[in-house]
Amino acid sequence: AINSFNKSGLSSSVILNKLSAAAVSERD
């Protein structure tokens, strides 16, 4: 996720928060 969207400057913490806020499982 970080490498694919590195231009967006997303950190692992931001990505984790976005995944947790979604309506489906983090695994999917």
PDB file of all heavy atoms in Angstrom:
ATOM      1  N   ALA A   1       0.827  -1.207   0.000  1.00  0.00           N
ATOM      2  CA  ALA A   1       0.000   0.000   0.000  1.00  0.00           C
ATOM      3  C   ALA A   1       0.862   1.258   0.000  1.00  0.00           C
ATOM      4  O   ALA A   1       0.607   2.205  -0.758  1.00  0.00           O
ATOM      5  CB  ALA A   1      -0.921  -0.004   1.215  1.00  0.00           C
ATOM      6  N   ILE A   2       1.885   1.269   0.828  1.00  0.00           N
ATOM      7  CA  ILE A   2       2.764   2.442   0.920  1.00  0.00           C
ATOM      8  C   ILE A   2       3.525   2.646  -0.381  1.00  0.00           C
ATOM      9  O   ILE A   2       3.613   3.763  -0.912  1.00  0.00           O
ATOM     10  CB  ILE A   2       3.749   2.281   2.096  1.00  0.00           C
ATOM     11  CG1 ILE A   2       2.990   2.340   3.422  1.00  0.00           C
ATOM     12  CG2 ILE A   2       4.828   3.365   2.055  1.00  0.00           C
ATOM     13  CD1 ILE A   2       3.845   1.968   4.626  1.00  0.00           C
ATOM     14  N   ASN A   3       4.075   1.572  -0.931  1.00  0.00           N
ATOM     15  CA  ASN A   3       4.858   1.679  -2.163  1.00  0.00           C
ATOM     16  C   ASN A   3       4.000   2.047  -3.365  1.00  0.00           C
ATOM     17  O   ASN A   3       4.431   2.801  -4.243  1.00  0.00           O
ATOM     18  CB  ASN A   3       5.596   0.367  -2.436  1.00  0.00           C
ATOM     19  CG  ASN A   3       6.708   0.095  -1.441  1.00  0.00           C
ATOM     20  OD1 ASN A   3       7.119   0.987  -0.713  1.00  0.00           O
ATOM     21  ND2 ASN A   3       7.187  -1.121  -1.398  1.00  0.00           N
ATOM     22  N   SER A   4       2.782   1.514  -3.420  1.00  0.00           N
ATOM     23  CA  SER A   4       1.901   1.790  -4.556  1.00  0.00           C
ATOM     24  C   SER A   4       1.447   3.241  -4.580  1.00  0.00           C
ATOM     25  O   SER A   4       1.290   3.829  -5.655  1.00  0.00           O
ATOM     26  CB  SER A   4       0.669   0.875  -4.516  1.00  0.00           C
ATOM     27  OG  SER A   4       1.034  -0.486  -4.644  1.00  0.00           O
ATOM     28  N   PHE A   5       1.247   3.810  -3.406  1.00  0.00           N
ATOM     29  CA  PHE A   5       0.732   5.177  -3.327  1.00  0.00           C
ATOM     30  C   PHE A   5       1.741   6.100  -2.646  1.00  0.00           C
ATOM     31  O   PHE A   5       1.366   6.984  -1.872  1.00  0.00           O
ATOM     32  CB  PHE A   5      -0.603   5.179  -2.587  1.00  0.00           C
ATOM     33  CG  PHE A   5      -1.667   4.372  -3.277  1.00  0.00           C
ATOM     34  CD1 PHE A   5      -1.876   3.040  -2.945  1.00  0.00           C
ATOM     35  CD2 PHE A   5      -2.437   4.939  -4.278  1.00  0.00           C
ATOM     36  CE1 PHE A   5      -2.846   2.286  -3.588  1.00  0.00           C
ATOM     37  CE2 PHE A   5      -3.416   4.196  -4.930  1.00  0.00           C
ATOM     38  CZ  PHE A   5      -3.615   2.865  -4.590  1.00  0.00           C
ATOM     39  N   ASN A   6       3.028   5.881  -2.947  1.00  0.00           N
ATOM     40  CA  ASN A   6       4.078   6.659  -2.279  1.00  0.00           C
ATOM     41  C   ASN A   6       4.005   8.141  -2.606  1.00  0.00           C
ATOM     42  O   ASN A   6       4.428   8.976  -1.810  1.00  0.00           O
ATOM     43  CB  ASN A   6       5.465   6.098  -2.612  1.00  0.00           C
ATOM     44  CG  ASN A   6       5.732   6.046  -4.112  1.00  0.00           C
ATOM     45  OD1 ASN A   6       4.879   6.400  -4.924  1.00  0.00           O
ATOM     46  ND2 ASN A   6       6.907   5.596  -4.473  1.00  0.00           N
ATOM     47  N   LYS A   7       3.453   8.490  -3.765  1.00  0.00           N
ATOM     48  CA  LYS A   7       3.332   9.904  -4.114  1.00  0.00           C
ATOM     49  C   LYS A   7       2.343  10.618  -3.210  1.00  0.00           C
ATOM     50  O   LYS A   7       2.380  11.841  -3.080  1.00  0.00           O
ATOM     51  CB  LYS A   7       2.901  10.042  -5.577  1.00  0.00           C
ATOM     52  CG  LYS A   7       3.960   9.592  -6.578  1.00  0.00           C
ATOM     53  CD  LYS A   7       3.497   9.812  -8.008  1.00  0.00           C
ATOM     54  CE  LYS A   7       4.553   9.371  -9.005  1.00  0.00           C
ATOM     55  NZ  LYS A   7       4.103   9.560 -10.405  1.00  0.00           N
ATOM     56  N   SER A   8       1.438   9.860  -2.605  1.00  0.00           N
ATOM     57  CA  SER A   8       0.444  10.459  -1.710  1.00  0.00           C
ATOM     58  C   SER A   8       0.999  10.695  -0.319  1.00  0.00           C
ATOM     59  O   SER A   8       0.370  11.368   0.504  1.00  0.00           O
ATOM     60  CB  SER A   8      -0.787   9.548  -1.617  1.00  0.00           C
ATOM     61  OG  SER A   8      -1.344   9.320  -2.892  1.00  0.00           O
ATOM     62  N   GLY A   9       2.175  10.129  -0.045  1.00  0.00           N
ATOM     63  CA  GLY A   9       2.809  10.324   1.255  1.00  0.00           C
ATOM     64  C   GLY A   9       2.063   9.675   2.402  1.00  0.00           C
ATOM     65  O   GLY A   9       2.116  10.157   3.543  1.00  0.00           O
ATOM     66  N   LEU A  10       1.372   8.575   2.126  1.00  0.00           N
ATOM     67  CA  LEU A  10       0.607   7.903   3.172  1.00  0.00           C
ATOM     68  C   LEU A  10       1.537   7.144   4.110  1.00  0.00           C
ATOM     69  O   LEU A  10       2.405   6.403   3.667  1.00  0.00           O
ATOM     70  CB  LEU A  10      -0.390   6.916   2.553  1.00  0.00           C
ATOM     71  CG  LEU A  10      -1.514   7.523   1.702  1.00  0.00           C
ATOM     72  CD1 LEU A  10      -2.320   6.416   1.036  1.00  0.00           C
ATOM     73  CD2 LEU A  10      -2.421   8.394   2.555  1.00  0.00           C
ATOM     74  N   SER A  11       1.331   7.295   5.400  1.00  0.00           N
ATOM     75  CA  SER A  11       2.103   6.542   6.385  1.00  0.00           C
ATOM     76  C   SER A  11       1.363   5.252   6.708  1.00  0.00           C
ATOM     77  O   SER A  11       0.172   5.098   6.402  1.00  0.00           O
ATOM     78  CB  SER A  11       2.289   7.363   7.660  1.00  0.00           C
ATOM     79  OG  SER A  11       1.042   7.553   8.311  1.00  0.00           O
ATOM     80  N   SER A  12       2.048   4.323   7.362  1.00  0.00           N
ATOM     81  CA  SER A  12       1.404   3.066   7.742  1.00  0.00           C
ATOM     82  C   SER A  12       0.251   3.317   8.714  1.00  0.00           C
ATOM     83  O   SER A  12      -0.765   2.619   8.669  1.00  0.00           O
ATOM     84  CB  SER A  12       2.430   2.107   8.355  1.00  0.00           C
ATOM     85  OG  SER A  12       3.059   2.685   9.490  1.00  0.00           O
ATOM     86  N   SER A  13       0.388   4.320   9.577  1.00  0.00           N
ATOM     87  CA  SER A  13      -0.678   4.630  10.540  1.00  0.00           C
ATOM     88  C   SER A  13      -1.932   5.140   9.835  1.00  0.00           C
ATOM     89  O   SER A  13      -3.057   4.742  10.177  1.00  0.00           O
ATOM     90  CB  SER A  13      -0.196   5.676  11.546  1.00  0.00           C
ATOM     91  OG  SER A  13       0.880   5.184  12.310  1.00  0.00           O
ATOM     92  N   VAL A  14      -1.743   6.008   8.859  1.00  0.00           N
ATOM     93  CA  VAL A  14      -2.887   6.546   8.107  1.00  0.00           C
ATOM     94  C   VAL A  14      -3.580   5.430   7.335  1.00  0.00           C
ATOM     95  O   VAL A  14      -4.814   5.328   7.326  1.00  0.00           O
ATOM     96  CB  VAL A  14      -2.422   7.655   7.139  1.00  0.00           C
ATOM     97  CG1 VAL A  14      -3.556   8.053   6.193  1.00  0.00           C
ATOM     98  CG2 VAL A  14      -1.945   8.869   7.911  1.00  0.00           C
ATOM     99  N   ILE A  15      -2.791   4.577   6.707  1.00  0.00           N
ATOM    100  CA  ILE A  15      -3.356   3.456   5.955  1.00  0.00           C
ATOM    101  C   ILE A  15      -4.139   2.536   6.868  1.00  0.00           C
ATOM    102  O   ILE A  15      -5.260   2.116   6.557  1.00  0.00           O
ATOM    103  CB  ILE A  15      -2.234   2.677   5.238  1.00  0.00           C
ATOM    104  CG1 ILE A  15      -1.668   3.513   4.093  1.00  0.00           C
ATOM    105  CG2 ILE A  15      -2.742   1.335   4.715  1.00  0.00           C
ATOM    106  CD1 ILE A  15      -0.446   2.929   3.434  1.00  0.00           C
ATOM    107  N   LEU A  16      -3.582   2.224   8.028  1.00  0.00           N
ATOM    108  CA  LEU A  16      -4.250   1.345   8.983  1.00  0.00           C
ATOM    109  C   LEU A  16      -5.580   1.942   9.423  1.00  0.00           C
ATOM    110  O   LEU A  16      -6.590   1.228   9.525  1.00  0.00           O
ATOM    111  CB  LEU A  16      -3.348   1.118  10.191  1.00  0.00           C
ATOM    112  CG  LEU A  16      -3.858   0.149  11.257  1.00  0.00           C
ATOM    113  CD1 LEU A  16      -4.068  -1.244  10.680  1.00  0.00           C
ATOM    114  CD2 LEU A  16      -2.883   0.089  12.432  1.00  0.00           C
ATOM    115  N   ASN A  17      -5.614   3.241   9.672  1.00  0.00           N
ATOM    116  CA  ASN A  17      -6.850   3.901  10.089  1.00  0.00           C
ATOM    117  C   ASN A  17      -7.910   3.846   8.999  1.00  0.00           C
ATOM    118  O   ASN A  17      -9.099   3.642   9.273  1.00  0.00           O
ATOM    119  CB  ASN A  17      -6.574   5.360  10.471  1.00  0.00           C
ATOM    120  CG  ASN A  17      -5.814   5.486  11.774  1.00  0.00           C
ATOM    121  OD1 ASN A  17      -5.860   4.591  12.619  1.00  0.00           O
ATOM    122  ND2 ASN A  17      -5.094   6.573  11.946  1.00  0.00           N
ATOM    123  N   LYS A  18      -7.477   4.031   7.751  1.00  0.00           N
ATOM    124  CA  LYS A  18      -8.414   3.985   6.629  1.00  0.00           C
ATOM    125  C   LYS A  18      -8.969   2.573   6.441  1.00  0.00           C
ATOM    126  O   LYS A  18     -10.154   2.393   6.139  1.00  0.00           O
ATOM    127  CB  LYS A  18      -7.728   4.462   5.345  1.00  0.00           C
ATOM    128  CG  LYS A  18      -7.419   5.962   5.314  1.00  0.00           C
ATOM    129  CD  LYS A  18      -6.706   6.356   4.042  1.00  0.00           C
ATOM    130  CE  LYS A  18      -6.385   7.855   3.996  1.00  0.00           C
ATOM    131  NZ  LYS A  18      -7.600   8.681   3.866  1.00  0.00           N
ATOM    132  N   LEU A  19      -8.128   1.583   6.618  1.00  0.00           N
ATOM    133  CA  LEU A  19      -8.584   0.197   6.490  1.00  0.00           C
ATOM    134  C   LEU A  19      -9.586  -0.141   7.588  1.00  0.00           C
ATOM    135  O   LEU A  19     -10.597  -0.804   7.344  1.00  0.00           O
ATOM    136  CB  LEU A  19      -7.392  -0.763   6.574  1.00  0.00           C
ATOM    137  CG  LEU A  19      -6.331  -0.681   5.470  1.00  0.00           C
ATOM    138  CD1 LEU A  19      -5.230  -1.705   5.720  1.00  0.00           C
ATOM    139  CD2 LEU A  19      -6.953  -0.912   4.097  1.00  0.00           C
ATOM    140  N   SER A  20      -9.301   0.319   8.802  1.00  0.00           N
ATOM    141  CA  SER A  20     -10.166   0.019   9.940  1.00  0.00           C
ATOM    142  C   SER A  20     -11.520   0.704   9.825  1.00  0.00           C
ATOM    143  O   SER A  20     -12.512   0.224  10.374  1.00  0.00           O
ATOM    144  CB  SER A  20      -9.490   0.459  11.245  1.00  0.00           C
ATOM    145  OG  SER A  20      -8.277  -0.243  11.441  1.00  0.00           O
ATOM    146  N   ALA A  21     -11.561   1.822   9.103  1.00  0.00           N
ATOM    147  CA  ALA A  21     -12.810   2.581   8.969  1.00  0.00           C
ATOM    148  C   ALA A  21     -13.726   2.024   7.884  1.00  0.00           C
ATOM    149  O   ALA A  21     -14.895   2.404   7.799  1.00  0.00           O
ATOM    150  CB  ALA A  21     -12.498   4.050   8.670  1.00  0.00           C
ATOM    151  N   ALA A  22     -13.206   1.125   7.053  1.00  0.00           N
ATOM    152  CA  ALA A  22     -13.997   0.571   5.952  1.00  0.00           C
ATOM    153  C   ALA A  22     -15.025  -0.424   6.474  1.00  0.00           C
ATOM    154  O   ALA A  22     -14.931  -0.923   7.597  1.00  0.00           O
ATOM    155  CB  ALA A  22     -13.083  -0.095   4.935  1.00  0.00           C
ATOM    156  N   ALA A  23     -16.004  -0.725   5.615  1.00  0.00           N
ATOM    157  CA  ALA A  23     -17.121  -1.584   6.023  1.00  0.00           C
ATOM    158  C   ALA A  23     -16.844  -3.068   5.834  1.00  0.00           C
ATOM    159  O   ALA A  23     -17.708  -3.891   6.126  1.00  0.00           O
ATOM    160  CB  ALA A  23     -18.368  -1.194   5.226  1.00  0.00           C
ATOM    161  N   VAL A  24     -15.668  -3.412   5.322  1.00  0.00           N
ATOM    162  CA  VAL A  24     -15.311  -4.824   5.146  1.00  0.00           C
ATOM    163  C   VAL A  24     -14.030  -5.117   5.909  1.00  0.00           C
ATOM    164  O   VAL A  24     -13.385  -4.209   6.436  1.00  0.00           O
ATOM    165  CB  VAL A  24     -15.140  -5.182   3.652  1.00  0.00           C
ATOM    166  CG1 VAL A  24     -16.449  -4.981   2.910  1.00  0.00           C
ATOM    167  CG2 VAL A  24     -14.026  -4.358   3.005  1.00  0.00           C
ATOM    168  N   SER A  25     -13.633  -6.363   5.953  1.00  0.00           N
ATOM    169  CA  SER A  25     -12.491  -6.752   6.767  1.00  0.00           C
ATOM    170  C   SER A  25     -11.177  -6.205   6.232  1.00  0.00           C
ATOM    171  O   SER A  25     -11.001  -6.030   5.020  1.00  0.00           O
ATOM    172  CB  SER A  25     -12.396  -8.283   6.842  1.00  0.00           C
ATOM    173  OG  SER A  25     -11.968  -8.824   5.608  1.00  0.00           O
ATOM    174  N   GLU A  26     -10.271  -5.946   7.148  1.00  0.00           N
ATOM    175  CA  GLU A  26      -8.934  -5.483   6.766  1.00  0.00           C
ATOM    176  C   GLU A  26      -8.223  -6.514   5.906  1.00  0.00           C
ATOM    177  O   GLU A  26      -7.449  -6.164   5.014  1.00  0.00           O
ATOM    178  CB  GLU A  26      -8.096  -5.191   8.017  1.00  0.00           C
ATOM    179  CG  GLU A  26      -8.546  -3.977   8.826  1.00  0.00           C
ATOM    180  CD  GLU A  26      -9.588  -4.316   9.867  1.00  0.00           C
ATOM    181  OE1 GLU A  26     -10.118  -5.450   9.835  1.00  0.00           O
ATOM    182  OE2 GLU A  26      -9.901  -3.451  10.700  1.00  0.00           O
ATOM    183  N   ARG A  27      -8.491  -7.796   6.163  1.00  0.00           N
ATOM    184  CA  ARG A  27      -7.854  -8.852   5.376  1.00  0.00           C
ATOM    185  C   ARG A  27      -8.232  -8.727   3.892  1.00  0.00           C
ATOM    186  O   ARG A  27      -7.365  -8.790   3.011  1.00  0.00           O
ATOM    187  CB  ARG A  27      -8.267 -10.232   5.897  1.00  0.00           C
ATOM    188  CG  ARG A  27      -7.762 -11.386   5.035  1.00  0.00           C
ATOM    189  CD  ARG A  27      -8.326 -12.713   5.508  1.00  0.00           C
ATOM    190  NE  ARG A  27      -7.661 -13.160   6.717  1.00  0.00           N
ATOM    191  CZ  ARG A  27      -6.551 -13.887   6.726  1.00  0.00           C
ATOM    192  NH1 ARG A  27      -5.977 -14.235   5.583  1.00  0.00           N
ATOM    193  NH2 ARG A  27      -6.013 -14.271   7.861  1.00  0.00           N
ATOM    194  N   ASP A  28      -9.525  -8.571   3.617  1.00  0.00           N
ATOM    195  CA  ASP A  28      -9.966  -8.453   2.223  1.00  0.00           C
ATOM    196  C   ASP A  28      -9.370  -7.216   1.557  1.00  0.00           C
ATOM    197  O   ASP A  28      -8.962  -7.255   0.383  1.00  0.00           O
ATOM    198  CB  ASP A  28     -11.493  -8.396   2.149  1.00  0.00           C
ATOM    199  CG  ASP A  28     -12.135  -9.769   2.301  1.00  0.00           C
ATOM    200  OD1 ASP A  28     -11.601 -10.732   1.738  1.00  0.00           O
ATOM    201  OD2 ASP A  28     -13.160  -9.882   2.985  1.00  0.00           O
TER     202      ASP A  28
END
